[in-house]
Amino acid sequence: MASVAQPRYRARVAPRTRGSRGSRIRWDRFGRVVLVLVLFIVLASYVGPSLHVFESWRESKSAQARLAELKAENAELTRKAKALESDAAVMAEARKLGLVGSSEQAYVLDGIK
């Protein structure tokens, strides 16, 4: 049988203890804390724009409601304007102002209370 060659030197790693001369910073914990802080900052940077989007959405809903009201009012005023273009409407407005037609006789009554 052939013998397997054994390495002459073995690398030995000494276990770290609290008393060793190494750094006292626990880099794994430090990395996690930094990662959480960065994540918090990124999330915080989204708060303002998200609130702005919500506010704009709410304003657009109220603007759409106001637009519907104004369209209804416009339709009503357009209908009234068309109704006032007729000769009968013109005559009625003239009578309210006290005017008399060309073929009519005007009378003035004094002393009536």
PDB file of N, CA and C in Angstrom:
ATOM      1  N   MET A   1       0.802  -1.169   0.000  1.00  0.00           N
ATOM      2  CA  MET A   1       0.000   0.000   0.000  1.00  0.00           C
ATOM      3  C   MET A   1       0.858   1.251   0.000  1.00  0.00           C
ATOM      4  N   ALA A   2       0.345   2.195  -0.718  1.00  0.00           N
ATOM      5  CA  ALA A   2       1.103   3.443  -0.771  1.00  0.00           C
ATOM      6  C   ALA A   2       0.632   4.348   0.352  1.00  0.00           C
ATOM      7  N   SER A   3       1.543   4.941   0.950  1.00  0.00           N
ATOM      8  CA  SER A   3       1.164   5.823   2.050  1.00  0.00           C
ATOM      9  C   SER A   3       0.882   7.222   1.515  1.00  0.00           C
ATOM     10  N   VAL A   4      -0.072   7.823   2.123  1.00  0.00           N
ATOM     11  CA  VAL A   4      -0.463   9.173   1.733  1.00  0.00           C
ATOM     12  C   VAL A   4       0.482  10.125   2.418  1.00  0.00           C
ATOM     13  N   ALA A   5       0.950  11.068   1.624  1.00  0.00           N
ATOM     14  CA  ALA A   5       1.920  12.007   2.182  1.00  0.00           C
ATOM     15  C   ALA A   5       1.216  12.989   3.108  1.00  0.00           C
ATOM     16  N   GLN A   6       1.743  13.110   4.258  1.00  0.00           N
ATOM     17  CA  GLN A   6       1.201  14.041   5.242  1.00  0.00           C
ATOM     18  C   GLN A   6       1.875  15.395   5.046  1.00  0.00           C
ATOM     19  N   PRO A   7       1.105  16.457   5.120  1.00  0.00           N
ATOM     20  CA  PRO A   7       1.748  17.770   4.994  1.00  0.00           C
ATOM     21  C   PRO A   7       2.654  18.015   6.190  1.00  0.00           C
ATOM     22  N   ARG A   8       3.713  18.681   5.895  1.00  0.00           N
ATOM     23  CA  ARG A   8       4.683  18.922   6.956  1.00  0.00           C
ATOM     24  C   ARG A   8       4.198  20.000   7.923  1.00  0.00           C
ATOM     25  N   TYR A   9       3.541  20.995   7.346  1.00  0.00           N
ATOM     26  CA  TYR A   9       3.104  22.095   8.213  1.00  0.00           C
ATOM     27  C   TYR A   9       1.592  22.222   8.131  1.00  0.00           C
ATOM     28  N   ARG A  10       0.985  22.460   9.228  1.00  0.00           N
ATOM     29  CA  ARG A  10      -0.451  22.713   9.278  1.00  0.00           C
ATOM     30  C   ARG A  10      -0.687  24.145   9.731  1.00  0.00           C
ATOM     31  N   ALA A  11      -1.639  24.754   9.063  1.00  0.00           N
ATOM     32  CA  ALA A  11      -1.962  26.127   9.458  1.00  0.00           C
ATOM     33  C   ALA A  11      -2.807  26.057  10.711  1.00  0.00           C
ATOM     34  N   ARG A  12      -2.409  26.797  11.663  1.00  0.00           N
ATOM     35  CA  ARG A  12      -3.158  26.824  12.898  1.00  0.00           C
ATOM     36  C   ARG A  12      -3.690  28.226  13.121  1.00  0.00           C
ATOM     37  N   VAL A  13      -4.977  28.294  13.394  1.00  0.00           N
ATOM     38  CA  VAL A  13      -5.611  29.573  13.664  1.00  0.00           C
ATOM     39  C   VAL A  13      -5.963  29.579  15.138  1.00  0.00           C
ATOM     40  N   ALA A  14      -5.467  30.574  15.790  1.00  0.00           N
ATOM     41  CA  ALA A  14      -5.724  30.673  17.218  1.00  0.00           C
ATOM     42  C   ALA A  14      -7.115  31.278  17.417  1.00  0.00           C
ATOM     43  N   PRO A  15      -7.881  30.695  18.313  1.00  0.00           N
ATOM     44  CA  PRO A  15      -9.199  31.258  18.585  1.00  0.00           C
ATOM     45  C   PRO A  15      -9.061  32.627  19.241  1.00  0.00           C
ATOM     46  N   ARG A  16      -9.966  33.542  18.845  1.00  0.00           N
ATOM     47  CA  ARG A  16      -9.905  34.892  19.407  1.00  0.00           C
ATOM     48  C   ARG A  16     -10.622  34.912  20.744  1.00  0.00           C
ATOM     49  N   THR A  17     -10.060  35.540  21.633  1.00  0.00           N
ATOM     50  CA  THR A  17     -10.679  35.708  22.943  1.00  0.00           C
ATOM     51  C   THR A  17     -10.777  37.193  23.228  1.00  0.00           C
ATOM     52  N   ARG A  18     -11.501  37.542  24.247  1.00  0.00           N
ATOM     53  CA  ARG A  18     -11.677  38.956  24.587  1.00  0.00           C
ATOM     54  C   ARG A  18     -10.358  39.601  25.007  1.00  0.00           C
ATOM     55  N   GLY A  19      -9.498  38.851  25.472  1.00  0.00           N
ATOM     56  CA  GLY A  19      -8.244  39.406  25.949  1.00  0.00           C
ATOM     57  C   GLY A  19      -7.204  39.539  24.869  1.00  0.00           C
ATOM     58  N   SER A  20      -7.500  39.109  23.653  1.00  0.00           N
ATOM     59  CA  SER A  20      -6.486  39.174  22.603  1.00  0.00           C
ATOM     60  C   SER A  20      -6.315  40.601  22.126  1.00  0.00           C
ATOM     61  N   ARG A  21      -5.289  40.848  21.380  1.00  0.00           N
ATOM     62  CA  ARG A  21      -4.955  42.200  20.954  1.00  0.00           C
ATOM     63  C   ARG A  21      -5.811  42.681  19.787  1.00  0.00           C
ATOM     64  N   GLY A  22      -6.789  41.969  19.325  1.00  0.00           N
ATOM     65  CA  GLY A  22      -7.602  42.342  18.161  1.00  0.00           C
ATOM     66  C   GLY A  22      -8.534  43.503  18.456  1.00  0.00           C
ATOM     67  N   SER A  23      -9.254  43.897  17.442  1.00  0.00           N
ATOM     68  CA  SER A  23     -10.185  45.005  17.545  1.00  0.00           C
ATOM     69  C   SER A  23     -11.372  44.605  18.415  1.00  0.00           C
ATOM     70  N   ARG A  24     -11.874  45.558  19.157  1.00  0.00           N
ATOM     71  CA  ARG A  24     -13.022  45.284  20.008  1.00  0.00           C
ATOM     72  C   ARG A  24     -14.353  45.536  19.282  1.00  0.00           C
ATOM     73  N   ILE A  25     -14.288  46.046  18.064  1.00  0.00           N
ATOM     74  CA  ILE A  25     -15.505  46.308  17.300  1.00  0.00           C
ATOM     75  C   ILE A  25     -16.004  44.994  16.726  1.00  0.00           C
ATOM     76  N   ARG A  26     -17.285  44.764  16.924  1.00  0.00           N
ATOM     77  CA  ARG A  26     -17.896  43.570  16.320  1.00  0.00           C
ATOM     78  C   ARG A  26     -18.444  44.001  14.974  1.00  0.00           C
ATOM     79  N   TRP A  27     -17.714  43.709  13.924  1.00  0.00           N
ATOM     80  CA  TRP A  27     -18.025  44.213  12.595  1.00  0.00           C
ATOM     81  C   TRP A  27     -19.339  43.671  12.060  1.00  0.00           C
ATOM     82  N   ASP A  28     -19.702  42.471  12.441  1.00  0.00           N
ATOM     83  CA  ASP A  28     -20.975  41.935  11.955  1.00  0.00           C
ATOM     84  C   ASP A  28     -22.138  42.734  12.528  1.00  0.00           C
ATOM     85  N   ARG A  29     -22.093  43.061  13.813  1.00  0.00           N
ATOM     86  CA  ARG A  29     -23.134  43.855  14.446  1.00  0.00           C
ATOM     87  C   ARG A  29     -23.115  45.289  13.910  1.00  0.00           C
ATOM     88  N   PHE A  30     -21.954  45.858  13.736  1.00  0.00           N
ATOM     89  CA  PHE A  30     -21.813  47.204  13.189  1.00  0.00           C
ATOM     90  C   PHE A  30     -22.410  47.283  11.780  1.00  0.00           C
ATOM     91  N   GLY A  31     -22.152  46.276  10.974  1.00  0.00           N
ATOM     92  CA  GLY A  31     -22.691  46.236   9.611  1.00  0.00           C
ATOM     93  C   GLY A  31     -24.210  46.188   9.611  1.00  0.00           C
ATOM     94  N   ARG A  32     -24.767  45.409  10.519  1.00  0.00           N
ATOM     95  CA  ARG A  32     -26.228  45.339  10.610  1.00  0.00           C
ATOM     96  C   ARG A  32     -26.831  46.676  11.023  1.00  0.00           C
ATOM     97  N   VAL A  33     -26.215  47.335  11.989  1.00  0.00           N
ATOM     98  CA  VAL A  33     -26.713  48.630  12.448  1.00  0.00           C
ATOM     99  C   VAL A  33     -26.655  49.653  11.309  1.00  0.00           C
ATOM    100  N   VAL A  34     -25.557  49.678  10.583  1.00  0.00           N
ATOM    101  CA  VAL A  34     -25.422  50.613   9.468  1.00  0.00           C
ATOM    102  C   VAL A  34     -26.463  50.299   8.395  1.00  0.00           C
ATOM    103  N   LEU A  35     -26.679  49.037   8.115  1.00  0.00           N
ATOM    104  CA  LEU A  35     -27.674  48.638   7.114  1.00  0.00           C
ATOM    105  C   LEU A  35     -29.079  49.074   7.534  1.00  0.00           C
ATOM    106  N   VAL A  36     -29.417  48.909   8.802  1.00  0.00           N
ATOM    107  CA  VAL A  36     -30.730  49.336   9.295  1.00  0.00           C
ATOM    108  C   VAL A  36     -30.861  50.853   9.204  1.00  0.00           C
ATOM    109  N   LEU A  37     -29.820  51.590   9.541  1.00  0.00           N
ATOM    110  CA  LEU A  37     -29.867  53.049   9.447  1.00  0.00           C
ATOM    111  C   LEU A  37     -30.050  53.512   8.003  1.00  0.00           C
ATOM    112  N   VAL A  38     -29.328  52.899   7.089  1.00  0.00           N
ATOM    113  CA  VAL A  38     -29.465  53.259   5.677  1.00  0.00           C
ATOM    114  C   VAL A  38     -30.876  52.939   5.187  1.00  0.00           C
ATOM    115  N   LEU A  39     -31.411  51.805   5.571  1.00  0.00           N
ATOM    116  CA  LEU A  39     -32.772  51.441   5.196  1.00  0.00           C
ATOM    117  C   LEU A  39     -33.780  52.438   5.750  1.00  0.00           C
ATOM    118  N   PHE A  40     -33.595  52.856   6.992  1.00  0.00           N
ATOM    119  CA  PHE A  40     -34.478  53.850   7.605  1.00  0.00           C
ATOM    120  C   PHE A  40     -34.406  55.175   6.863  1.00  0.00           C
ATOM    121  N   ILE A  41     -33.225  55.605   6.483  1.00  0.00           N
ATOM    122  CA  ILE A  41     -33.066  56.869   5.745  1.00  0.00           C
ATOM    123  C   ILE A  41     -33.744  56.783   4.384  1.00  0.00           C
ATOM    124  N   VAL A  42     -33.605  55.659   3.706  1.00  0.00           N
ATOM    125  CA  VAL A  42     -34.244  55.491   2.400  1.00  0.00           C
ATOM    126  C   VAL A  42     -35.763  55.530   2.554  1.00  0.00           C
ATOM    127  N   LEU A  43     -36.285  54.832   3.542  1.00  0.00           N
ATOM    128  CA  LEU A  43     -37.733  54.847   3.762  1.00  0.00           C
ATOM    129  C   LEU A  43     -38.223  56.236   4.147  1.00  0.00           C
ATOM    130  N   ALA A  44     -37.465  56.947   4.961  1.00  0.00           N
ATOM    131  CA  ALA A  44     -37.851  58.298   5.371  1.00  0.00           C
ATOM    132  C   ALA A  44     -37.863  59.249   4.178  1.00  0.00           C
ATOM    133  N   SER A  45     -36.991  59.010   3.197  1.00  0.00           N
ATOM    134  CA  SER A  45     -36.968  59.884   2.025  1.00  0.00           C
ATOM    135  C   SER A  45     -38.202  59.682   1.148  1.00  0.00           C
ATOM    136  N   TYR A  46     -38.930  58.581   1.309  1.00  0.00           N
ATOM    137  CA  TYR A  46     -40.143  58.335   0.537  1.00  0.00           C
ATOM    138  C   TYR A  46     -41.395  58.902   1.211  1.00  0.00           C
ATOM    139  N   VAL A  47     -41.312  59.314   2.450  1.00  0.00           N
ATOM    140  CA  VAL A  47     -42.493  59.783   3.179  1.00  0.00           C
ATOM    141  C   VAL A  47     -43.033  61.079   2.583  1.00  0.00           C
ATOM    142  N   GLY A  48     -42.185  62.063   2.367  1.00  0.00           N
ATOM    143  CA  GLY A  48     -42.617  63.352   1.836  1.00  0.00           C
ATOM    144  C   GLY A  48     -43.290  63.243   0.474  1.00  0.00           C
ATOM    145  N   PRO A  49     -42.627  62.617  -0.504  1.00  0.00           N
ATOM    146  CA  PRO A  49     -43.281  62.469  -1.810  1.00  0.00           C
ATOM    147  C   PRO A  49     -44.575  61.659  -1.750  1.00  0.00           C
ATOM    148  N   SER A  50     -44.634  60.666  -0.885  1.00  0.00           N
ATOM    149  CA  SER A  50     -45.865  59.878  -0.771  1.00  0.00           C
ATOM    150  C   SER A  50     -47.008  60.742  -0.244  1.00  0.00           C
ATOM    151  N   LEU A  51     -46.736  61.581   0.732  1.00  0.00           N
ATOM    152  CA  LEU A  51     -47.761  62.486   1.247  1.00  0.00           C
ATOM    153  C   LEU A  51     -48.189  63.483   0.174  1.00  0.00           C
ATOM    154  N   HIS A  52     -47.228  63.950  -0.627  1.00  0.00           N
ATOM    155  CA  HIS A  52     -47.542  64.890  -1.700  1.00  0.00           C
ATOM    156  C   HIS A  52     -48.447  64.233  -2.738  1.00  0.00           C
ATOM    157  N   VAL A  53     -48.186  62.995  -3.084  1.00  0.00           N
ATOM    158  CA  VAL A  53     -49.027  62.275  -4.047  1.00  0.00           C
ATOM    159  C   VAL A  53     -50.442  62.117  -3.495  1.00  0.00           C
ATOM    160  N   PHE A  54     -50.562  61.766  -2.229  1.00  0.00           N
ATOM    161  CA  PHE A  54     -51.881  61.612  -1.618  1.00  0.00           C
ATOM    162  C   PHE A  54     -52.633  62.938  -1.617  1.00  0.00           C
ATOM    163  N   GLU A  55     -51.965  64.024  -1.275  1.00  0.00           N
ATOM    164  CA  GLU A  55     -52.589  65.342  -1.247  1.00  0.00           C
ATOM    165  C   GLU A  55     -53.036  65.752  -2.648  1.00  0.00           C
ATOM    166  N   SER A  56     -52.226  65.481  -3.648  1.00  0.00           N
ATOM    167  CA  SER A  56     -52.594  65.808  -5.024  1.00  0.00           C
ATOM    168  C   SER A  56     -53.796  64.999  -5.473  1.00  0.00           C
ATOM    169  N   TRP A  57     -53.850  63.750  -5.084  1.00  0.00           N
ATOM    170  CA  TRP A  57     -54.985  62.902  -5.442  1.00  0.00           C
ATOM    171  C   TRP A  57     -56.274  63.446  -4.817  1.00  0.00           C
ATOM    172  N   ARG A  58     -56.180  63.848  -3.555  1.00  0.00           N
ATOM    173  CA  ARG A  58     -57.348  64.387  -2.861  1.00  0.00           C
ATOM    174  C   ARG A  58     -57.804  65.704  -3.498  1.00  0.00           C
ATOM    175  N   GLU A  59     -56.854  66.556  -3.872  1.00  0.00           N
ATOM    176  CA  GLU A  59     -57.194  67.818  -4.522  1.00  0.00           C
ATOM    177  C   GLU A  59     -57.826  67.574  -5.886  1.00  0.00           C
ATOM    178  N   SER A  60     -57.365  66.568  -6.600  1.00  0.00           N
ATOM    179  CA  SER A  60     -57.941  66.284  -7.916  1.00  0.00           C
ATOM    180  C   SER A  60     -59.380  65.811  -7.785  1.00  0.00           C
ATOM    181  N   LYS A  61     -59.677  65.054  -6.728  1.00  0.00           N
ATOM    182  CA  LYS A  61     -61.061  64.614  -6.515  1.00  0.00           C
ATOM    183  C   LYS A  61     -61.973  65.817  -6.250  1.00  0.00           C
ATOM    184  N   SER A  62     -61.521  66.759  -5.428  1.00  0.00           N
ATOM    185  CA  SER A  62     -62.350  67.934  -5.145  1.00  0.00           C
ATOM    186  C   SER A  62     -62.467  68.820  -6.392  1.00  0.00           C
ATOM    187  N   ALA A  63     -61.404  68.887  -7.193  1.00  0.00           N
ATOM    188  CA  ALA A  63     -61.460  69.669  -8.429  1.00  0.00           C
ATOM    189  C   ALA A  63     -62.433  69.038  -9.426  1.00  0.00           C
ATOM    190  N   GLN A  64     -62.486  67.722  -9.477  1.00  0.00           N
ATOM    191  CA  GLN A  64     -63.428  67.046 -10.369  1.00  0.00           C
ATOM    192  C   GLN A  64     -64.869  67.296  -9.919  1.00  0.00           C
ATOM    193  N   ALA A  65     -65.105  67.309  -8.614  1.00  0.00           N
ATOM    194  CA  ALA A  65     -66.446  67.592  -8.104  1.00  0.00           C
ATOM    195  C   ALA A  65     -66.842  69.031  -8.441  1.00  0.00           C
ATOM    196  N   ARG A  66     -65.922  69.961  -8.270  1.00  0.00           N
ATOM    197  CA  ARG A  66     -66.191  71.374  -8.607  1.00  0.00           C
ATOM    198  C   ARG A  66     -66.451  71.525 -10.098  1.00  0.00           C
ATOM    199  N   LEU A  67     -65.713  70.792 -10.924  1.00  0.00           N
ATOM    200  CA  LEU A  67     -65.912  70.838 -12.372  1.00  0.00           C
ATOM    201  C   LEU A  67     -67.306  70.340 -12.741  1.00  0.00           C
ATOM    202  N   ALA A  68     -67.766  69.286 -12.096  1.00  0.00           N
ATOM    203  CA  ALA A  68     -69.107  68.770 -12.367  1.00  0.00           C
ATOM    204  C   ALA A  68     -70.167  69.810 -11.993  1.00  0.00           C
ATOM    205  N   GLU A  69     -69.979  70.499 -10.866  1.00  0.00           N
ATOM    206  CA  GLU A  69     -70.911  71.558 -10.461  1.00  0.00           C
ATOM    207  C   GLU A  69     -70.936  72.686 -11.485  1.00  0.00           C
ATOM    208  N   LEU A  70     -69.753  73.092 -11.939  1.00  0.00           N
ATOM    209  CA  LEU A  70     -69.678  74.190 -12.896  1.00  0.00           C
ATOM    210  C   LEU A  70     -70.275  73.805 -14.249  1.00  0.00           C
ATOM    211  N   LYS A  71     -70.119  72.548 -14.655  1.00  0.00           N
ATOM    212  CA  LYS A  71     -70.729  72.094 -15.906  1.00  0.00           C
ATOM    213  C   LYS A  71     -72.247  72.120 -15.807  1.00  0.00           C
ATOM    214  N   ALA A  72     -72.789  71.713 -14.665  1.00  0.00           N
ATOM    215  CA  ALA A  72     -74.238  71.752 -14.472  1.00  0.00           C
ATOM    216  C   ALA A  72     -74.735  73.198 -14.487  1.00  0.00           C
ATOM    217  N   GLU A  73     -74.004  74.086 -13.826  1.00  0.00           N
ATOM    218  CA  GLU A  73     -74.386  75.494 -13.810  1.00  0.00           C
ATOM    219  C   GLU A  73     -74.314  76.092 -15.212  1.00  0.00           C
ATOM    220  N   ASN A  74     -73.295  75.729 -15.970  1.00  0.00           N
ATOM    221  CA  ASN A  74     -73.153  76.209 -17.337  1.00  0.00           C
ATOM    222  C   ASN A  74     -74.314  75.728 -18.205  1.00  0.00           C
ATOM    223  N   ALA A  75     -74.715  74.477 -18.054  1.00  0.00           N
ATOM    224  CA  ALA A  75     -75.835  73.947 -18.831  1.00  0.00           C
ATOM    225  C   ALA A  75     -77.122  74.709 -18.494  1.00  0.00           C
ATOM    226  N   GLU A  76     -77.331  75.004 -17.216  1.00  0.00           N
ATOM    227  CA  GLU A  76     -78.523  75.740 -16.785  1.00  0.00           C
ATOM    228  C   GLU A  76     -78.525  77.151 -17.366  1.00  0.00           C
ATOM    229  N   LEU A  77     -77.371  77.826 -17.305  1.00  0.00           N
ATOM    230  CA  LEU A  77     -77.285  79.186 -17.833  1.00  0.00           C
ATOM    231  C   LEU A  77     -77.434  79.209 -19.354  1.00  0.00           C
ATOM    232  N   THR A  78     -76.912  78.219 -20.025  1.00  0.00           N
ATOM    233  CA  THR A  78     -77.072  78.125 -21.481  1.00  0.00           C
ATOM    234  C   THR A  78     -78.538  77.935 -21.844  1.00  0.00           C
ATOM    235  N   ARG A  79     -79.236  77.100 -21.078  1.00  0.00           N
ATOM    236  CA  ARG A  79     -80.662  76.887 -21.314  1.00  0.00           C
ATOM    237  C   ARG A  79     -81.446  78.186 -21.101  1.00  0.00           C
ATOM    238  N   LYS A  80     -81.120  78.919 -20.037  1.00  0.00           N
ATOM    239  CA  LYS A  80     -81.798  80.187 -19.783  1.00  0.00           C
ATOM    240  C   LYS A  80     -81.501  81.218 -20.871  1.00  0.00           C
ATOM    241  N   ALA A  81     -80.259  81.252 -21.352  1.00  0.00           N
ATOM    242  CA  ALA A  81     -79.886  82.200 -22.399  1.00  0.00           C
ATOM    243  C   ALA A  81     -80.652  81.910 -23.684  1.00  0.00           C
ATOM    244  N   LYS A  82     -80.805  80.647 -24.031  1.00  0.00           N
ATOM    245  CA  LYS A  82     -81.574  80.297 -25.226  1.00  0.00           C
ATOM    246  C   LYS A  82     -83.041  80.661 -25.063  1.00  0.00           C
ATOM    247  N   ALA A  83     -83.567  80.490 -23.840  1.00  0.00           N
ATOM    248  CA  ALA A  83     -84.969  80.834 -23.589  1.00  0.00           C
ATOM    249  C   ALA A  83     -85.193  82.344 -23.690  1.00  0.00           C
ATOM    250  N   LEU A  84     -84.202  83.140 -23.320  1.00  0.00           N
ATOM    251  CA  LEU A  84     -84.343  84.595 -23.355  1.00  0.00           C
ATOM    252  C   LEU A  84     -84.191  85.171 -24.764  1.00  0.00           C
ATOM    253  N   GLU A  85     -83.737  84.372 -25.698  1.00  0.00           N
ATOM    254  CA  GLU A  85     -83.589  84.857 -27.068  1.00  0.00           C
ATOM    255  C   GLU A  85     -84.924  84.918 -27.820  1.00  0.00           C
ATOM    256  N   SER A  86     -85.957  84.294 -27.302  1.00  0.00           N
ATOM    257  CA  SER A  86     -87.257  84.302 -27.988  1.00  0.00           C
ATOM    258  C   SER A  86     -87.917  85.674 -27.859  1.00  0.00           C
ATOM    259  N   ASP A  87     -88.838  85.976 -28.786  1.00  0.00           N
ATOM    260  CA  ASP A  87     -89.530  87.271 -28.769  1.00  0.00           C
ATOM    261  C   ASP A  87     -90.399  87.421 -27.526  1.00  0.00           C
ATOM    262  N   ALA A  88     -90.999  86.329 -27.073  1.00  0.00           N
ATOM    263  CA  ALA A  88     -91.858  86.407 -25.887  1.00  0.00           C
ATOM    264  C   ALA A  88     -91.052  86.781 -24.659  1.00  0.00           C
ATOM    265  N   ALA A  89     -89.846  86.277 -24.538  1.00  0.00           N
ATOM    266  CA  ALA A  89     -89.007  86.601 -23.386  1.00  0.00           C
ATOM    267  C   ALA A  89     -88.568  88.051 -23.443  1.00  0.00           C
ATOM    268  N   VAL A  90     -88.264  88.542 -24.645  1.00  0.00           N
ATOM    269  CA  VAL A  90     -87.871  89.941 -24.790  1.00  0.00           C
ATOM    270  C   VAL A  90     -89.027  90.851 -24.390  1.00  0.00           C
ATOM    271  N   MET A  91     -90.240  90.504 -24.821  1.00  0.00           N
ATOM    272  CA  MET A  91     -91.415  91.307 -24.466  1.00  0.00           C
ATOM    273  C   MET A  91     -91.661  91.278 -22.950  1.00  0.00           C
ATOM    274  N   ALA A  92     -91.489  90.131 -22.325  1.00  0.00           N
ATOM    275  CA  ALA A  92     -91.705  90.032 -20.875  1.00  0.00           C
ATOM    276  C   ALA A  92     -90.701  90.887 -20.125  1.00  0.00           C
ATOM    277  N   GLU A  93     -89.467  90.892 -20.538  1.00  0.00           N
ATOM    278  CA  GLU A  93     -88.446  91.723 -19.876  1.00  0.00           C
ATOM    279  C   GLU A  93     -88.742  93.205 -20.098  1.00  0.00           C
ATOM    280  N   ALA A  94     -89.205  93.543 -21.286  1.00  0.00           N
ATOM    281  CA  ALA A  94     -89.551  94.947 -21.566  1.00  0.00           C
ATOM    282  C   ALA A  94     -90.699  95.401 -20.680  1.00  0.00           C
ATOM    283  N   ARG A  95     -91.686  94.550 -20.465  1.00  0.00           N
ATOM    284  CA  ARG A  95     -92.826  94.897 -19.598  1.00  0.00           C
ATOM    285  C   ARG A  95     -92.355  95.083 -18.154  1.00  0.00           C
ATOM    286  N   LYS A  96     -91.407  94.251 -17.719  1.00  0.00           N
ATOM    287  CA  LYS A  96     -90.886  94.419 -16.344  1.00  0.00           C
ATOM    288  C   LYS A  96     -90.202  95.768 -16.172  1.00  0.00           C
ATOM    289  N   LEU A  97     -89.594  96.261 -17.261  1.00  0.00           N
ATOM    290  CA  LEU A  97     -88.908  97.556 -17.200  1.00  0.00           C
ATOM    291  C   LEU A  97     -89.859  98.727 -17.407  1.00  0.00           C
ATOM    292  N   GLY A  98     -91.139  98.425 -17.702  1.00  0.00           N
ATOM    293  CA  GLY A  98     -92.130  99.495 -17.882  1.00  0.00           C
ATOM    294  C   GLY A  98     -92.241  99.983 -19.311  1.00  0.00           C
ATOM    295  N   LEU A  99     -91.717  99.288 -20.260  1.00  0.00           N
ATOM    296  CA  LEU A  99     -91.792  99.701 -21.657  1.00  0.00           C
ATOM    297  C   LEU A  99     -93.114  99.260 -22.267  1.00  0.00           C
ATOM    298  N   VAL A 100     -93.516  99.945 -23.341  1.00  0.00           N
ATOM    299  CA  VAL A 100     -94.785  99.685 -24.004  1.00  0.00           C
ATOM    300  C   VAL A 100     -94.497  99.413 -25.478  1.00  0.00           C
ATOM    301  N   GLY A 101     -95.274  98.509 -26.069  1.00  0.00           N
ATOM    302  CA  GLY A 101     -95.109  98.186 -27.482  1.00  0.00           C
ATOM    303  C   GLY A 101     -95.522  99.350 -28.368  1.00  0.00           C
ATOM    304  N   SER A 102     -95.111  99.339 -29.645  1.00  0.00           N
ATOM    305  CA  SER A 102     -95.382 100.453 -30.559  1.00  0.00           C
ATOM    306  C   SER A 102     -96.874 100.596 -30.881  1.00  0.00           C
ATOM    307  N   SER A 103     -97.613  99.538 -30.845  1.00  0.00           N
ATOM    308  CA  SER A 103     -99.043  99.617 -31.159  1.00  0.00           C
ATOM    309  C   SER A 103     -99.909  99.758 -29.909  1.00  0.00           C
ATOM    310  N   GLU A 104     -99.303  99.984 -28.776  1.00  0.00           N
ATOM    311  CA  GLU A 104    -100.051 100.062 -27.517  1.00  0.00           C
ATOM    312  C   GLU A 104    -100.102 101.503 -27.019  1.00  0.00           C
ATOM    313  N   GLN A 105    -101.111 101.779 -26.227  1.00  0.00           N
ATOM    314  CA  GLN A 105    -101.278 103.105 -25.627  1.00  0.00           C
ATOM    315  C   GLN A 105    -100.802 103.048 -24.184  1.00  0.00           C
ATOM    316  N   ALA A 106     -99.941 103.978 -23.769  1.00  0.00           N
ATOM    317  CA  ALA A 106     -99.411 104.025 -22.414  1.00  0.00           C
ATOM    318  C   ALA A 106    -100.260 104.943 -21.558  1.00  0.00           C
ATOM    319  N   TYR A 107    -100.567 104.545 -20.315  1.00  0.00           N
ATOM    320  CA  TYR A 107    -101.336 105.351 -19.364  1.00  0.00           C
ATOM    321  C   TYR A 107    -100.514 105.532 -18.099  1.00  0.00           C
ATOM    322  N   VAL A 108    -100.604 106.691 -17.516  1.00  0.00           N
ATOM    323  CA  VAL A 108     -99.923 106.995 -16.261  1.00  0.00           C
ATOM    324  C   VAL A 108    -101.012 107.303 -15.244  1.00  0.00           C
ATOM    325  N   LEU A 109    -101.008 106.604 -14.144  1.00  0.00           N
ATOM    326  CA  LEU A 109    -101.991 106.809 -13.079  1.00  0.00           C
ATOM    327  C   LEU A 109    -101.293 107.457 -11.901  1.00  0.00           C
ATOM    328  N   ASP A 110    -101.767 108.642 -11.544  1.00  0.00           N
ATOM    329  CA  ASP A 110    -101.177 109.350 -10.396  1.00  0.00           C
ATOM    330  C   ASP A 110    -102.121 109.255  -9.213  1.00  0.00           C
ATOM    331  N   GLY A 111    -101.573 109.308  -8.048  1.00  0.00           N
ATOM    332  CA  GLY A 111    -102.359 109.370  -6.839  1.00  0.00           C
ATOM    333  C   GLY A 111    -102.851 108.029  -6.338  1.00  0.00           C
ATOM    334  N   ILE A 112    -102.463 106.970  -6.880  1.00  0.00           N
ATOM    335  CA  ILE A 112    -102.905 105.645  -6.397  1.00  0.00           C
ATOM    336  C   ILE A 112    -101.882 105.151  -5.383  1.00  0.00           C
ATOM    337  N   LYS A 113    -102.452 104.751  -4.233  1.00  0.00           N
ATOM    338  CA  LYS A 113    -101.538 104.251  -3.212  1.00  0.00           C
ATOM    339  C   LYS A 113    -101.802 102.824  -2.924  1.00  0.00           C
TER     340      LYS A 113
END
